Protein backbone atom coordinates (compact mmCIF):
# COMPACT_ATOMS: atom_id res chain seq x y z
CA UNK A 1 50.24 4.40 -28.27
CA UNK A 2 49.92 7.97 -27.83
CA UNK A 3 46.03 7.56 -28.37
CA UNK A 4 45.69 4.72 -25.65
CA UNK A 5 47.71 7.00 -23.18
CA UNK A 6 45.51 9.98 -24.24
CA UNK A 7 42.54 7.82 -23.31
CA UNK A 8 43.81 6.69 -19.83
CA UNK A 9 45.02 9.77 -18.90
CA UNK A 10 41.31 11.51 -19.70
CA UNK A 11 39.54 8.69 -17.76
CA UNK A 12 41.62 9.07 -15.13
CA UNK A 13 40.88 12.60 -15.21
CA UNK A 14 36.95 11.59 -15.37
CA UNK A 15 37.06 9.62 -12.51
CA UNK A 16 39.27 12.29 -10.25
CA UNK A 17 36.55 14.69 -11.22
CA UNK A 18 34.01 12.27 -10.38
CA UNK A 19 35.23 11.50 -6.83
CA UNK A 20 35.95 15.17 -6.23
CA UNK A 21 32.49 15.85 -6.89
CA UNK A 22 30.85 12.98 -4.70
CA UNK A 23 32.99 13.81 -1.93
CA UNK A 24 32.16 17.60 -1.98
CA UNK A 25 28.18 16.23 -2.41
CA UNK A 26 29.37 14.22 1.11
CA UNK A 27 31.14 17.26 2.83
CA UNK A 28 27.93 19.09 2.29
CA UNK A 29 26.19 16.64 4.59
CA UNK A 30 23.77 15.21 1.57
CA UNK A 31 23.26 11.97 -0.13
CA UNK A 32 24.21 11.68 -3.80
CA UNK A 33 21.02 10.11 -4.36
CA UNK A 34 19.38 13.34 -2.40
CA UNK A 35 21.13 15.77 -4.54
CA UNK A 36 20.73 13.69 -7.92
CA UNK A 37 16.92 14.28 -6.82
CA UNK A 38 17.20 17.58 -6.43
CA UNK A 39 18.75 18.48 -9.88
CA UNK A 40 16.19 16.53 -11.27
CA UNK A 41 13.08 17.99 -8.62
CA UNK A 42 14.82 21.67 -9.79
CA UNK A 43 14.00 20.88 -13.51
CA UNK A 44 10.24 19.80 -12.77
CA UNK A 45 10.25 23.42 -10.62
CA UNK A 46 10.89 25.14 -13.95
CA UNK A 47 8.15 23.22 -15.51
CA UNK A 48 5.59 23.10 -12.81
CA UNK A 49 6.05 27.37 -12.43
CA UNK A 50 5.53 28.16 -15.96
CA UNK A 51 2.69 25.43 -15.90
CA UNK A 52 1.36 27.61 -12.37
CA UNK A 53 1.39 30.91 -14.33
CA UNK A 54 -0.45 29.63 -17.59
CA UNK A 55 -3.18 28.32 -15.91
CA UNK A 56 -5.23 29.63 -13.23
CA UNK A 57 -7.90 27.24 -13.56
CA UNK A 58 -7.17 23.38 -13.60
CA UNK A 59 -8.90 20.45 -14.19
CA UNK A 60 -9.45 17.58 -11.35
CA UNK A 61 -7.11 15.63 -12.53
CA UNK A 62 -4.57 18.62 -13.41
CA UNK A 63 -4.79 19.62 -9.89
CA UNK A 64 -3.97 15.74 -8.71
CA UNK A 65 -0.77 15.72 -11.08
CA UNK A 66 -0.12 19.05 -9.85
CA UNK A 67 -0.24 18.14 -6.38
CA UNK A 68 1.46 15.06 -6.89
CA UNK A 69 4.52 16.53 -8.73
CA UNK A 70 4.53 19.59 -6.52
CA UNK A 71 5.07 16.77 -3.48
CA UNK A 72 7.96 15.63 -4.96
CA UNK A 73 9.84 18.90 -5.29
CA UNK A 74 8.74 19.38 -1.60
CA UNK A 75 10.76 16.21 -0.56
CA UNK A 76 13.50 16.68 -2.57
CA UNK A 77 14.23 20.76 -1.60
CA UNK A 78 13.50 19.44 2.02
CA UNK A 79 17.13 17.26 1.74
CA UNK A 80 19.41 19.79 0.30
CA UNK A 81 20.58 23.02 2.16
CA UNK A 82 18.68 26.20 1.68
CA UNK A 83 21.84 27.65 0.06
CA UNK A 84 21.63 25.85 -2.73
CA UNK A 85 18.35 26.62 -4.01
CA UNK A 86 18.05 30.32 -2.54
CA UNK A 87 18.26 31.45 -6.31
CA UNK A 88 14.84 29.48 -7.09
CA UNK A 89 13.04 30.78 -4.03
CA UNK A 90 10.80 33.09 -5.77
CA UNK A 91 9.49 29.70 -8.07
CA UNK A 92 9.28 27.55 -4.75
CA UNK A 93 6.98 29.97 -2.94
CA UNK A 94 4.74 30.31 -6.08
CA UNK A 95 4.53 26.61 -6.65
CA UNK A 96 3.88 26.45 -2.83
CA UNK A 97 0.90 29.05 -2.83
CA UNK A 98 -0.39 27.17 -5.91
CA UNK A 99 -0.31 23.91 -3.65
CA UNK A 100 -1.90 25.46 -1.03
CA UNK A 101 -4.68 27.30 -2.80
CA UNK A 102 -5.46 23.97 -4.91
CA UNK A 103 -5.41 21.96 -1.44
CA UNK A 104 -7.93 24.68 0.02
CA UNK A 105 -10.07 24.20 -2.65
CA UNK A 106 -10.05 20.50 -3.02
CA UNK A 107 -11.03 20.21 0.85
CA UNK A 108 -13.70 22.84 0.69
CA UNK A 109 -15.01 20.84 -1.67
CA UNK A 110 -14.98 17.96 0.00
């Protein structure tokens, strides 16, 4: 019986913390979906940053993949306040610069 009471208390605490997190996200003026996409984009940002540093020359296929992933990141980061990602600003700018360079090269070749 005590075990059941502990489980109920833990579930109540978890539910309360979840509702509190959703409330704080809403108070910040964001949707939960936008916040979740920002979290996923933040993980992708780290991977793209490492990729952009490691590879100077990309094949046309790699360029297309890089551009598509970068656009997803830009969309997700645009939907959240800047204060949430100011620590990632340098990585974001590096990806943005690489994105612009690739777009320019692709535009010139066409």
